[in-house]
Amino acid sequence: MLKATDLRKGKIIKLDGKLVRITDFQHITPGNWRGIVQIKFKDIITGVGSQRRVSPEDKFEDVFLDNRKMTYLYKQGETYVFMDQETYEQPELPADIVGDMAGYLRENDECNIMFYEGQVVSLELPAHVVLTVKYTEPGARGNTVQNVTKPATLETGLEVKVPNHINVGDKVKIDTRTGDFMERVND
């Protein structure tokens, strides 16, 4: 069990029967009043964020997640099939766990899958991925104003805004946390 003052950003705990990741933590001691702990957290399974004030003496259940490196193999119906790189097991993740991250997954890409008591609870992608542009409008000559962007469809079907100089066939680095274009990658 962890006291509220032992919580830190990124820590995973069990709160009200749900697994949550602490996204922000602040211990407040206002003058001669009793101290309070303000925590912001995100439900690991649903991704819904919330916040709460608790007493510094409150206790929370510490959670151990089994984090395994997996390789994405293919999509089968509404499930995504991965392979454990050590045991060669092939867990299937439902589309609701993969969610929007499906746009960043290519066959044979590595990612981390977190298990809690033998069940998959979360999928973590690398901070960025390199994908090929499948379709985008050609850049208009004379558009030299800075920060001109246009929509581009990537090889996974993901749509992102890219600078005007990006063309079909270019490889681009995309931030998986924000979905933003980072840079063009040369082979």
Protein backbone atom coordinates (compact mmCIF):
# COMPACT_ATOMS: atom_id res chain seq x y z
CA MET A 1 0.00 0.00 0.00
CA LEU A 2 1.18 3.51 -0.86
CA LYS A 3 0.47 6.66 1.09
CA ALA A 4 -0.83 9.61 -0.92
CA THR A 5 2.46 11.46 -0.38
CA ASP A 6 4.35 8.56 -2.05
CA LEU A 7 2.46 8.96 -5.34
CA ARG A 8 4.42 10.31 -8.29
CA LYS A 9 3.72 11.21 -11.90
CA GLY A 10 3.54 8.07 -14.06
CA LYS A 11 2.78 5.73 -11.12
CA ILE A 12 -0.02 3.20 -11.69
CA ILE A 13 -2.40 2.50 -8.80
CA LYS A 14 -5.79 0.96 -8.19
CA LEU A 15 -8.38 3.64 -7.39
CA ASP A 16 -12.08 2.82 -6.85
CA GLY A 17 -11.45 -0.64 -8.36
CA LYS A 18 -9.97 0.79 -11.58
CA LEU A 19 -6.38 0.96 -12.81
CA VAL A 20 -5.25 4.57 -13.19
CA ARG A 21 -1.99 6.30 -14.13
CA ILE A 22 -1.08 9.43 -12.17
CA THR A 23 -0.60 12.30 -14.66
CA ASP A 24 0.00 15.10 -12.15
CA PHE A 25 0.66 15.25 -8.42
CA GLN A 26 0.77 18.19 -6.04
CA HIS A 27 1.18 18.17 -2.24
CA ILE A 28 -0.35 21.37 -0.88
CA THR A 29 0.27 22.62 2.68
CA PRO A 30 -1.65 25.91 3.08
CA GLY A 31 -0.23 27.71 6.12
CA ASN A 32 -1.46 26.24 9.39
CA TRP A 33 -4.22 24.11 7.78
CA ARG A 34 -4.00 20.41 7.16
CA GLY A 35 -2.14 19.36 4.04
CA ILE A 36 -3.93 17.97 0.99
CA VAL A 37 -2.77 16.04 -2.03
CA GLN A 38 -4.18 16.99 -5.42
CA ILE A 39 -3.85 14.18 -7.99
CA LYS A 40 -4.78 14.07 -11.65
CA PHE A 41 -5.12 10.64 -13.17
CA LYS A 42 -6.18 8.80 -16.31
CA ASP A 43 -8.01 5.47 -16.43
CA ILE A 44 -5.68 3.03 -18.20
CA ILE A 45 -8.44 1.11 -19.94
CA THR A 46 -10.86 3.88 -20.96
CA GLY A 47 -8.38 6.77 -21.15
CA VAL A 48 -10.77 9.07 -19.26
CA GLY A 49 -8.99 11.65 -17.12
CA SER A 50 -10.08 13.05 -13.78
CA GLN A 51 -8.74 14.66 -10.62
CA ARG A 52 -9.23 14.28 -6.89
CA ARG A 53 -8.14 15.79 -3.59
CA VAL A 54 -7.11 13.29 -0.95
CA SER A 55 -5.64 13.35 2.52
CA PRO A 56 -1.87 12.72 2.82
CA GLU A 57 -2.67 9.74 5.08
CA ASP A 58 -4.93 8.01 2.50
CA LYS A 59 -3.56 4.73 1.20
CA PHE A 60 -3.72 3.32 -2.33
CA GLU A 61 -3.04 -0.13 -3.74
CA ASP A 62 0.23 -0.30 -5.69
CA VAL A 63 -0.14 -2.18 -8.98
CA PHE A 64 2.46 -4.24 -10.81
CA LEU A 65 1.98 -4.43 -14.58
CA ASP A 66 3.77 -7.02 -16.67
CA ASN A 67 5.25 -5.07 -19.59
CA ARG A 68 6.13 -7.23 -22.62
CA LYS A 69 7.70 -6.34 -25.98
CA MET A 70 5.47 -7.54 -28.80
CA THR A 71 5.50 -7.46 -32.60
CA TYR A 72 2.34 -6.47 -34.46
CA LEU A 73 1.45 -9.20 -36.98
CA TYR A 74 -1.92 -8.45 -38.63
CA LYS A 75 -5.53 -7.39 -38.17
CA GLN A 76 -8.14 -10.14 -38.16
CA GLY A 77 -11.71 -8.83 -38.22
CA GLU A 78 -12.06 -6.54 -35.19
CA THR A 79 -8.95 -7.83 -33.39
CA TYR A 80 -5.25 -7.09 -33.74
CA VAL A 81 -2.82 -9.99 -33.47
CA PHE A 82 0.56 -9.50 -31.80
CA MET A 83 3.42 -11.92 -31.05
CA ASP A 84 5.47 -12.07 -27.87
CA GLN A 85 9.14 -11.94 -28.91
CA GLU A 86 10.25 -14.33 -26.18
CA THR A 87 7.49 -16.94 -25.86
CA TYR A 88 5.99 -16.63 -29.37
CA GLU A 89 2.49 -16.44 -27.86
CA GLN A 90 0.02 -14.55 -30.04
CA PRO A 91 -2.40 -12.46 -27.97
CA GLU A 92 -5.29 -10.80 -29.77
CA LEU A 93 -6.21 -7.26 -28.72
CA PRO A 94 -9.73 -6.00 -29.32
CA ALA A 95 -10.18 -2.80 -31.34
CA ASP A 96 -11.34 -0.86 -28.26
CA ILE A 97 -7.93 -1.33 -26.55
CA VAL A 98 -5.95 -0.48 -29.70
CA GLY A 99 -8.25 2.46 -30.50
CA ASP A 100 -6.71 5.35 -32.44
CA MET A 101 -3.26 3.78 -32.18
CA ALA A 102 -4.20 1.50 -35.10
CA GLY A 103 -3.26 4.34 -37.46
CA TYR A 104 0.36 4.07 -36.34
CA LEU A 105 0.68 0.26 -36.56
CA ARG A 106 2.40 -1.44 -39.47
CA GLU A 107 3.12 -5.15 -39.75
CA ASN A 108 6.27 -6.18 -37.83
CA ASP A 109 6.35 -2.97 -35.75
CA GLU A 110 7.43 -3.36 -32.12
CA CYS A 111 5.39 -2.04 -29.20
CA ASN A 112 4.83 -2.71 -25.50
CA ILE A 113 1.73 -4.43 -24.20
CA MET A 114 0.90 -4.22 -20.50
CA PHE A 115 -0.80 -7.08 -18.69
CA TYR A 116 -2.48 -7.00 -15.29
CA GLU A 117 -3.27 -10.37 -13.74
CA GLY A 118 -2.92 -12.04 -17.15
CA GLN A 119 -5.25 -9.66 -19.01
CA VAL A 120 -4.20 -7.02 -21.52
CA VAL A 121 -4.88 -3.54 -20.16
CA SER A 122 -2.86 -1.21 -22.37
CA LEU A 123 -0.83 -0.83 -25.55
CA GLU A 124 2.15 1.54 -25.70
CA LEU A 125 3.68 2.65 -28.98
CA PRO A 126 7.14 4.14 -29.51
CA ALA A 127 7.25 7.95 -29.20
CA HIS A 128 7.38 8.28 -32.99
CA VAL A 129 6.95 6.16 -36.11
CA VAL A 130 8.11 6.53 -39.71
CA LEU A 131 5.36 6.08 -42.30
CA THR A 132 5.16 6.53 -46.08
CA VAL A 133 2.85 9.11 -47.65
CA LYS A 134 0.31 7.30 -49.89
CA TYR A 135 -1.64 10.33 -51.07
CA THR A 136 -1.39 14.10 -50.85
CA GLU A 137 -2.16 16.98 -53.16
CA PRO A 138 0.86 18.36 -54.97
CA GLY A 139 2.30 21.48 -53.36
CA ALA A 140 1.29 24.68 -55.13
CA ARG A 141 4.20 26.72 -56.46
CA GLY A 142 4.44 30.14 -54.94
CA ASN A 143 3.05 29.11 -51.55
CA THR A 144 6.11 30.30 -49.71
CA VAL A 145 4.38 31.57 -46.63
CA GLN A 146 5.81 29.70 -43.66
CA ASN A 147 3.84 26.92 -41.98
CA VAL A 148 1.61 26.12 -44.95
CA THR A 149 0.25 22.59 -44.43
CA LYS A 150 -1.89 20.19 -46.41
CA PRO A 151 -3.62 16.89 -45.57
CA ALA A 152 -1.78 13.66 -46.35
CA THR A 153 -2.94 10.04 -46.14
CA LEU A 154 -0.27 7.67 -44.86
CA GLU A 155 0.24 3.96 -45.62
CA THR A 156 -1.84 2.91 -42.60
CA GLY A 157 -4.79 5.12 -43.56
CA LEU A 158 -3.93 7.77 -40.98
CA GLU A 159 -4.48 11.37 -42.08
CA VAL A 160 -2.10 14.07 -40.86
CA LYS A 161 -1.20 17.64 -41.79
CA VAL A 162 2.18 17.88 -43.50
CA PRO A 163 4.20 20.81 -44.87
CA ASN A 164 3.62 21.88 -48.46
CA HIS A 165 6.92 20.34 -49.72
CA ILE A 166 5.97 16.73 -48.81
CA ASN A 167 5.06 14.52 -51.79
CA VAL A 168 3.63 11.04 -52.39
CA GLY A 169 6.24 8.38 -51.54
CA ASP A 170 8.08 10.51 -48.95
CA LYS A 171 8.73 8.96 -45.55
CA VAL A 172 7.65 11.12 -42.62
CA LYS A 173 8.21 10.87 -38.87
CA ILE A 174 4.96 11.20 -36.87
CA ASP A 175 4.67 11.77 -33.10
CA THR A 176 2.39 8.97 -31.78
CA ARG A 177 1.38 10.96 -28.69
CA THR A 178 0.04 13.99 -30.57
CA GLY A 179 -0.39 12.74 -34.14
CA ASP A 180 1.69 15.66 -35.45
CA PHE A 181 4.20 15.67 -38.30
CA MET A 182 7.78 15.90 -36.97
CA GLU A 183 10.08 15.72 -40.01
CA ARG A 184 10.73 14.15 -43.40
CA VAL A 185 13.03 11.11 -43.22
CA ASN A 186 15.59 10.36 -45.89
CA ASP A 187 16.26 6.70 -46.64
